[in-house]
């Protein structure tokens, strides 16, 4: 997660985008003490497992909760956190669903580099198709 966010920041700066990111959203696969510590300066919202979420204010703090998870649970439970994290499904999931619908759920190559290349190719084809069809609709309007 850290390299991806740092690369996104670099690419945004290189593209001349100066606006601040409202929130960096990630699923529970990225919930780790290392990620929370390294990215503490960012408005980060990472889903955590339910067992770490406080049930109510009088619940004594658990001592086996990894560092940063309690704070993230508090961020996610806030009104703003809920509102921002709810957008993740609408921003991320449709792209995966569209790729799965068009190309299926299996890749044809083996090995990390080959699978990475195949996924990027499928994404490029999908995005080019969207651009083509969008452009065609513009011309007929």
N, C-alpha and C. Protein backbone atom coordinates (compact mmCIF):
# COMPACT_ATOMS: atom_id res chain seq x y z
N UNK A 1 0.81 -1.19 0.00
CA UNK A 1 0.00 0.00 0.00
C UNK A 1 0.86 1.27 0.00
N UNK A 2 1.93 1.23 0.74
CA UNK A 2 2.79 2.41 0.84
C UNK A 2 3.35 2.79 -0.53
N UNK A 3 3.94 1.84 -1.28
CA UNK A 3 4.46 2.21 -2.60
C UNK A 3 3.37 2.70 -3.56
N UNK A 4 2.19 2.13 -3.48
CA UNK A 4 1.10 2.54 -4.37
C UNK A 4 0.69 3.98 -4.08
N UNK A 5 0.53 4.31 -2.81
CA UNK A 5 0.14 5.68 -2.45
C UNK A 5 1.24 6.67 -2.81
N UNK A 6 2.48 6.30 -2.53
CA UNK A 6 3.59 7.21 -2.87
C UNK A 6 3.67 7.43 -4.38
N UNK A 7 3.43 6.38 -5.16
CA UNK A 7 3.46 6.51 -6.62
C UNK A 7 2.29 7.38 -7.10
N UNK A 8 1.12 7.20 -6.50
CA UNK A 8 -0.04 8.03 -6.87
C UNK A 8 0.24 9.50 -6.56
N UNK A 9 0.87 9.76 -5.42
CA UNK A 9 1.24 11.14 -5.08
C UNK A 9 2.22 11.71 -6.10
N UNK A 10 3.21 10.91 -6.48
CA UNK A 10 4.20 11.33 -7.47
C UNK A 10 3.52 11.62 -8.81
N UNK A 11 2.66 10.71 -9.25
CA UNK A 11 1.97 10.89 -10.53
C UNK A 11 1.07 12.12 -10.51
N UNK A 12 0.39 12.36 -9.40
CA UNK A 12 -0.47 13.54 -9.29
C UNK A 12 0.35 14.83 -9.40
N UNK A 13 1.48 14.85 -8.71
CA UNK A 13 2.36 16.02 -8.77
C UNK A 13 2.90 16.21 -10.18
N UNK A 14 3.30 15.12 -10.83
CA UNK A 14 3.83 15.20 -12.19
C UNK A 14 2.77 15.68 -13.17
N UNK A 15 1.51 15.36 -12.92
CA UNK A 15 0.41 15.79 -13.78
C UNK A 15 -0.05 17.21 -13.46
N UNK A 16 0.53 17.81 -12.43
CA UNK A 16 0.16 19.17 -12.06
C UNK A 16 -1.10 19.28 -11.22
N UNK A 17 -1.54 18.17 -10.65
CA UNK A 17 -2.73 18.19 -9.79
C UNK A 17 -2.32 18.66 -8.40
N UNK A 18 -2.90 19.73 -7.96
CA UNK A 18 -2.48 20.33 -6.70
C UNK A 18 -3.47 20.12 -5.56
N UNK A 19 -4.68 19.71 -5.85
CA UNK A 19 -5.68 19.52 -4.81
C UNK A 19 -5.32 18.37 -3.87
N UNK A 20 -5.71 18.52 -2.63
CA UNK A 20 -5.45 17.47 -1.64
C UNK A 20 -6.44 16.32 -1.82
N UNK A 21 -5.99 15.12 -1.55
CA UNK A 21 -6.85 13.94 -1.60
C UNK A 21 -7.71 13.95 -0.34
N UNK A 22 -9.02 13.83 -0.52
CA UNK A 22 -9.94 13.87 0.62
C UNK A 22 -9.77 12.66 1.52
N UNK A 23 -9.53 11.50 0.94
CA UNK A 23 -9.35 10.28 1.73
C UNK A 23 -8.71 9.20 0.86
N UNK A 24 -7.84 8.44 1.46
CA UNK A 24 -7.25 7.26 0.83
C UNK A 24 -8.01 6.07 1.40
N UNK A 25 -8.71 5.33 0.56
CA UNK A 25 -9.57 4.24 1.00
C UNK A 25 -8.97 2.89 0.61
N UNK A 26 -8.99 1.96 1.56
CA UNK A 26 -8.44 0.63 1.29
C UNK A 26 -9.22 -0.42 2.06
N UNK A 27 -9.21 -1.65 1.53
CA UNK A 27 -9.92 -2.72 2.22
C UNK A 27 -9.04 -3.33 3.31
N UNK A 28 -9.59 -4.29 4.03
CA UNK A 28 -8.92 -4.84 5.21
C UNK A 28 -7.61 -5.56 4.91
N UNK A 29 -7.38 -5.92 3.67
CA UNK A 29 -6.12 -6.55 3.31
C UNK A 29 -4.92 -5.64 3.52
N UNK A 30 -5.15 -4.35 3.63
CA UNK A 30 -4.08 -3.37 3.83
C UNK A 30 -3.98 -2.88 5.26
N UNK A 31 -4.77 -3.44 6.16
CA UNK A 31 -4.74 -3.02 7.56
C UNK A 31 -3.51 -3.62 8.25
N UNK A 32 -2.53 -2.77 8.51
CA UNK A 32 -1.34 -3.22 9.22
C UNK A 32 -0.72 -2.07 9.99
N UNK A 33 -0.05 -2.41 11.04
CA UNK A 33 0.63 -1.41 11.85
C UNK A 33 1.63 -0.63 11.02
N UNK A 34 2.36 -1.31 10.14
CA UNK A 34 3.36 -0.64 9.30
C UNK A 34 2.70 0.39 8.38
N UNK A 35 1.58 0.02 7.75
CA UNK A 35 0.89 0.96 6.87
C UNK A 35 0.34 2.15 7.64
N UNK A 36 -0.24 1.89 8.80
CA UNK A 36 -0.81 2.98 9.59
C UNK A 36 0.28 3.95 10.06
N UNK A 37 1.42 3.42 10.45
CA UNK A 37 2.52 4.27 10.92
C UNK A 37 3.14 5.07 9.78
N UNK A 38 3.39 4.42 8.65
CA UNK A 38 4.05 5.09 7.53
C UNK A 38 3.16 6.14 6.87
N UNK A 39 1.86 5.96 6.97
CA UNK A 39 0.93 6.87 6.29
C UNK A 39 0.10 7.68 7.28
N UNK A 40 0.62 7.88 8.48
CA UNK A 40 -0.11 8.59 9.53
C UNK A 40 -0.43 10.03 9.16
N UNK A 41 0.33 10.61 8.24
CA UNK A 41 0.10 12.00 7.86
C UNK A 41 -1.01 12.16 6.83
N UNK A 42 -1.60 11.06 6.37
CA UNK A 42 -2.63 11.10 5.33
C UNK A 42 -4.02 10.83 5.90
N UNK A 43 -5.06 11.33 5.22
CA UNK A 43 -6.43 10.99 5.63
C UNK A 43 -6.76 9.57 5.14
N UNK A 44 -6.28 8.60 5.88
CA UNK A 44 -6.36 7.19 5.50
C UNK A 44 -7.54 6.52 6.18
N UNK A 45 -8.32 5.77 5.41
CA UNK A 45 -9.40 4.96 5.95
C UNK A 45 -9.23 3.54 5.42
N UNK A 46 -8.90 2.64 6.32
CA UNK A 46 -8.66 1.24 5.96
C UNK A 46 -9.61 0.38 6.78
N UNK A 47 -10.37 -0.44 6.10
CA UNK A 47 -11.28 -1.34 6.79
C UNK A 47 -10.47 -2.27 7.70
N UNK A 48 -11.00 -2.51 8.86
CA UNK A 48 -10.38 -3.46 9.79
C UNK A 48 -11.41 -4.51 10.15
N UNK A 49 -10.96 -5.60 10.74
CA UNK A 49 -11.90 -6.66 11.09
C UNK A 49 -12.82 -6.19 12.20
N UNK A 50 -14.02 -6.71 12.23
CA UNK A 50 -15.04 -6.30 13.19
C UNK A 50 -14.61 -6.50 14.65
N UNK A 51 -13.75 -7.47 14.90
CA UNK A 51 -13.39 -7.77 16.29
C UNK A 51 -12.65 -6.62 16.97
N UNK A 52 -12.10 -5.68 16.18
CA UNK A 52 -11.39 -4.57 16.77
C UNK A 52 -12.27 -3.35 17.00
N UNK A 53 -13.46 -3.32 16.44
CA UNK A 53 -14.31 -2.15 16.56
C UNK A 53 -14.89 -2.07 17.97
N UNK A 54 -14.88 -0.88 18.57
CA UNK A 54 -15.47 -0.75 19.90
C UNK A 54 -16.99 -0.89 19.81
N UNK A 55 -17.59 -1.63 20.74
CA UNK A 55 -19.04 -1.82 20.70
C UNK A 55 -19.76 -0.63 21.32
N UNK A 56 -19.23 -0.06 22.38
CA UNK A 56 -19.76 1.17 22.95
C UNK A 56 -18.70 1.79 23.85
N UNK A 57 -18.95 3.01 24.26
CA UNK A 57 -17.92 3.79 24.97
C UNK A 57 -17.48 3.15 26.28
N UNK A 58 -18.35 2.39 26.94
CA UNK A 58 -17.97 1.81 28.24
C UNK A 58 -17.18 0.52 28.10
N UNK A 59 -16.98 0.03 26.89
CA UNK A 59 -16.20 -1.19 26.68
C UNK A 59 -14.74 -0.91 26.98
N UNK A 60 -14.14 -1.68 27.87
CA UNK A 60 -12.73 -1.44 28.18
C UNK A 60 -11.87 -1.72 26.94
N UNK A 61 -10.78 -0.98 26.76
CA UNK A 61 -9.93 -1.20 25.58
C UNK A 61 -9.29 -2.58 25.62
N UNK A 62 -9.24 -3.23 24.48
CA UNK A 62 -8.60 -4.53 24.38
C UNK A 62 -7.10 -4.31 24.24
N UNK A 63 -6.34 -5.15 24.88
CA UNK A 63 -4.89 -5.00 24.85
C UNK A 63 -4.23 -5.81 23.74
N UNK A 64 -4.99 -6.71 23.11
CA UNK A 64 -4.42 -7.52 22.04
C UNK A 64 -4.67 -6.93 20.65
N UNK A 65 -5.25 -5.75 20.60
CA UNK A 65 -5.52 -5.08 19.33
C UNK A 65 -4.21 -4.50 18.80
N UNK A 66 -3.85 -4.80 17.55
CA UNK A 66 -2.59 -4.26 17.00
C UNK A 66 -2.58 -2.74 17.00
N UNK A 67 -1.39 -2.19 17.10
CA UNK A 67 -1.22 -0.74 17.12
C UNK A 67 -1.86 -0.11 15.89
N UNK A 68 -2.58 0.96 16.10
CA UNK A 68 -3.21 1.69 15.01
C UNK A 68 -4.62 1.23 14.69
N UNK A 69 -4.95 0.00 15.00
CA UNK A 69 -6.27 -0.52 14.66
C UNK A 69 -7.38 0.17 15.46
N UNK A 70 -7.14 0.43 16.73
CA UNK A 70 -8.16 1.09 17.55
C UNK A 70 -8.45 2.48 17.01
N UNK A 71 -7.38 3.21 16.64
CA UNK A 71 -7.55 4.56 16.09
C UNK A 71 -8.28 4.51 14.75
N UNK A 72 -7.95 3.51 13.93
CA UNK A 72 -8.62 3.38 12.63
C UNK A 72 -10.09 3.05 12.83
N UNK A 73 -10.40 2.20 13.80
CA UNK A 73 -11.80 1.87 14.08
C UNK A 73 -12.56 3.12 14.48
N UNK A 74 -11.93 3.98 15.26
CA UNK A 74 -12.57 5.23 15.67
C UNK A 74 -12.80 6.13 14.47
N UNK A 75 -11.81 6.24 13.59
CA UNK A 75 -11.96 7.05 12.36
C UNK A 75 -13.09 6.53 11.50
N UNK A 76 -13.13 5.21 11.31
CA UNK A 76 -14.17 4.61 10.47
C UNK A 76 -15.56 4.76 11.08
N UNK A 77 -15.66 4.78 12.40
CA UNK A 77 -16.95 4.88 13.08
C UNK A 77 -17.50 6.29 13.09
N UNK A 78 -16.65 7.28 12.81
CA UNK A 78 -17.13 8.67 12.80
C UNK A 78 -18.09 8.88 11.62
N UNK A 79 -18.92 9.91 11.70
CA UNK A 79 -19.87 10.19 10.62
C UNK A 79 -19.14 10.45 9.31
N UNK A 80 -18.06 11.23 9.36
CA UNK A 80 -17.29 11.53 8.15
C UNK A 80 -16.61 10.27 7.61
N UNK A 81 -16.07 9.44 8.51
CA UNK A 81 -15.43 8.20 8.09
C UNK A 81 -16.39 7.26 7.40
N UNK A 82 -17.59 7.12 7.96
CA UNK A 82 -18.60 6.26 7.35
C UNK A 82 -18.99 6.77 5.96
N UNK A 83 -19.17 8.09 5.87
CA UNK A 83 -19.57 8.70 4.60
C UNK A 83 -18.49 8.49 3.53
N UNK A 84 -17.23 8.75 3.88
CA UNK A 84 -16.15 8.60 2.92
C UNK A 84 -15.92 7.14 2.53
N UNK A 85 -15.90 6.25 3.52
CA UNK A 85 -15.62 4.84 3.22
C UNK A 85 -16.75 4.20 2.41
N UNK A 86 -17.97 4.67 2.59
CA UNK A 86 -19.10 4.14 1.83
C UNK A 86 -18.92 4.37 0.33
N UNK A 87 -18.16 5.37 -0.04
CA UNK A 87 -17.92 5.67 -1.45
C UNK A 87 -17.00 4.65 -2.11
N UNK A 88 -16.21 3.91 -1.33
CA UNK A 88 -15.25 2.97 -1.88
C UNK A 88 -15.93 1.97 -2.80
N UNK A 89 -17.04 1.42 -2.37
CA UNK A 89 -17.74 0.43 -3.18
C UNK A 89 -18.16 0.98 -4.54
N UNK A 90 -18.60 2.22 -4.57
CA UNK A 90 -19.04 2.83 -5.82
C UNK A 90 -17.87 3.24 -6.71
N UNK A 91 -16.71 3.47 -6.12
CA UNK A 91 -15.55 3.90 -6.90
C UNK A 91 -14.73 2.73 -7.44
N UNK A 92 -14.57 1.70 -6.65
CA UNK A 92 -13.65 0.61 -6.97
C UNK A 92 -14.34 -0.61 -7.54
N UNK A 93 -15.35 -1.07 -6.90
CA UNK A 93 -15.95 -2.35 -7.25
C UNK A 93 -16.54 -2.42 -8.67
N UNK A 94 -17.17 -1.37 -9.20
CA UNK A 94 -17.71 -1.49 -10.56
C UNK A 94 -16.65 -1.83 -11.61
N UNK A 95 -15.46 -1.30 -11.47
CA UNK A 95 -14.39 -1.62 -12.42
C UNK A 95 -14.06 -3.09 -12.43
N UNK A 96 -13.93 -3.69 -11.24
CA UNK A 96 -13.67 -5.13 -11.16
C UNK A 96 -14.83 -5.92 -11.74
N UNK A 97 -16.05 -5.53 -11.40
CA UNK A 97 -17.22 -6.23 -11.89
C UNK A 97 -17.29 -6.18 -13.41
N UNK A 98 -17.02 -5.02 -14.00
CA UNK A 98 -17.06 -4.89 -15.45
C UNK A 98 -15.98 -5.77 -16.11
N UNK A 99 -14.79 -5.79 -15.53
CA UNK A 99 -13.73 -6.65 -16.07
C UNK A 99 -14.13 -8.13 -15.98
N UNK A 100 -14.69 -8.54 -14.84
CA UNK A 100 -15.10 -9.93 -14.67
C UNK A 100 -16.20 -10.29 -15.66
N UNK A 101 -17.16 -9.38 -15.87
CA UNK A 101 -18.26 -9.63 -16.80
C UNK A 101 -17.74 -9.83 -18.22
N UNK A 102 -16.79 -8.99 -18.61
CA UNK A 102 -16.29 -9.01 -19.99
C UNK A 102 -15.28 -10.12 -20.23
N UNK A 103 -14.34 -10.32 -19.30
CA UNK A 103 -13.21 -11.22 -19.55
C UNK A 103 -13.19 -12.47 -18.68
N UNK A 104 -14.12 -12.58 -17.75
CA UNK A 104 -14.13 -13.73 -16.85
C UNK A 104 -13.23 -13.51 -15.64
N UNK A 105 -13.23 -14.47 -14.75
CA UNK A 105 -12.48 -14.35 -13.49
C UNK A 105 -11.13 -15.05 -13.52
N UNK A 106 -10.78 -15.63 -14.63
CA UNK A 106 -9.51 -16.36 -14.70
C UNK A 106 -8.53 -15.65 -15.61
N UNK A 107 -7.27 -15.76 -15.26
CA UNK A 107 -6.22 -15.24 -16.12
C UNK A 107 -5.60 -16.42 -16.87
N UNK A 108 -4.96 -16.12 -17.97
CA UNK A 108 -4.42 -17.17 -18.81
C UNK A 108 -2.92 -17.37 -18.64
N UNK A 109 -2.27 -16.50 -17.95
CA UNK A 109 -0.83 -16.57 -17.74
C UNK A 109 -0.55 -16.99 -16.30
N UNK A 110 0.68 -17.41 -16.06
CA UNK A 110 1.12 -17.80 -14.73
C UNK A 110 2.35 -16.99 -14.36
N UNK A 111 2.51 -16.74 -13.09
CA UNK A 111 3.63 -15.95 -12.60
C UNK A 111 3.20 -14.51 -12.39
N UNK A 112 3.77 -13.89 -11.39
CA UNK A 112 3.36 -12.53 -11.01
C UNK A 112 3.51 -11.54 -12.15
N UNK A 113 4.65 -11.54 -12.82
CA UNK A 113 4.87 -10.57 -13.90
C UNK A 113 3.89 -10.80 -15.06
N UNK A 114 3.66 -12.05 -15.41
CA UNK A 114 2.76 -12.35 -16.54
C UNK A 114 1.31 -11.99 -16.19
N UNK A 115 0.88 -12.31 -14.98
CA UNK A 115 -0.49 -11.98 -14.56
C UNK A 115 -0.66 -10.47 -14.48
N UNK A 116 0.33 -9.78 -13.94
CA UNK A 116 0.29 -8.33 -13.86
C UNK A 116 0.12 -7.71 -15.25
N UNK A 117 0.88 -8.21 -16.21
CA UNK A 117 0.79 -7.71 -17.59
C UNK A 117 -0.57 -8.00 -18.19
N UNK A 118 -1.08 -9.20 -17.96
CA UNK A 118 -2.39 -9.56 -18.51
C UNK A 118 -3.50 -8.69 -17.93
N UNK A 119 -3.48 -8.47 -16.64
CA UNK A 119 -4.50 -7.63 -15.99
C UNK A 119 -4.43 -6.21 -16.53
N UNK A 120 -3.22 -5.68 -16.69
CA UNK A 120 -3.08 -4.32 -17.22
C UNK A 120 -3.57 -4.25 -18.66
N UNK A 121 -3.30 -5.26 -19.45
CA UNK A 121 -3.79 -5.28 -20.83
C UNK A 121 -5.32 -5.32 -20.86
N UNK A 122 -5.92 -6.16 -20.05
CA UNK A 122 -7.38 -6.24 -20.00
C UNK A 122 -7.98 -4.90 -19.56
N UNK A 123 -7.36 -4.27 -18.57
CA UNK A 123 -7.84 -2.96 -18.12
C UNK A 123 -7.73 -1.91 -19.21
N UNK A 124 -6.61 -1.93 -19.95
CA UNK A 124 -6.42 -0.97 -21.04
C UNK A 124 -7.46 -1.18 -22.14
N UNK A 125 -7.70 -2.44 -22.51
CA UNK A 125 -8.71 -2.75 -23.53
C UNK A 125 -10.08 -2.28 -23.08
N UNK A 126 -10.41 -2.55 -21.84
CA UNK A 126 -11.70 -2.16 -21.28
C UNK A 126 -11.85 -0.63 -21.31
N UNK A 127 -10.83 0.08 -20.86
CA UNK A 127 -10.90 1.55 -20.83
C UNK A 127 -10.94 2.15 -22.22
N UNK A 128 -10.18 1.61 -23.15
CA UNK A 128 -10.22 2.10 -24.54
C UNK A 128 -11.60 1.87 -25.15
N UNK A 129 -12.21 0.74 -24.85
CA UNK A 129 -13.55 0.46 -25.34
C UNK A 129 -14.55 1.48 -24.79
N UNK A 130 -14.43 1.82 -23.51
CA UNK A 130 -15.31 2.83 -22.92
C UNK A 130 -15.12 4.18 -23.60
N UNK A 131 -13.87 4.55 -23.84
CA UNK A 131 -13.58 5.83 -24.51
C UNK A 131 -14.17 5.82 -25.92
N UNK A 132 -13.98 4.73 -26.65
CA UNK A 132 -14.49 4.62 -28.01
C UNK A 132 -16.00 4.77 -28.04
N UNK A 133 -16.69 4.04 -27.16
CA UNK A 133 -18.15 4.10 -27.14
C UNK A 133 -18.65 5.46 -26.66
N UNK A 134 -17.95 6.08 -25.73
CA UNK A 134 -18.33 7.42 -25.26
C UNK A 134 -18.20 8.41 -26.41
N UNK A 135 -17.11 8.33 -27.15
CA UNK A 135 -16.88 9.21 -28.28
C UNK A 135 -17.94 9.00 -29.36
N UNK A 136 -18.31 7.76 -29.61
CA UNK A 136 -19.33 7.45 -30.62
C UNK A 136 -20.68 8.03 -30.20
N UNK A 137 -21.01 7.97 -28.93
CA UNK A 137 -22.29 8.55 -28.45
C UNK A 137 -22.28 10.06 -28.61
N UNK A 138 -21.13 10.70 -28.38
CA UNK A 138 -21.02 12.15 -28.52
C UNK A 138 -21.29 12.56 -29.96
N UNK A 139 -20.80 11.81 -30.93
CA UNK A 139 -20.97 12.17 -32.33
C UNK A 139 -22.40 12.01 -32.81
N UNK A 140 -23.15 11.07 -32.22
CA UNK A 140 -24.52 10.85 -32.66
C UNK A 140 -25.51 11.79 -31.99
N UNK A 141 -25.07 12.47 -30.94
CA UNK A 141 -25.97 13.38 -30.20
C UNK A 141 -26.13 14.69 -30.90
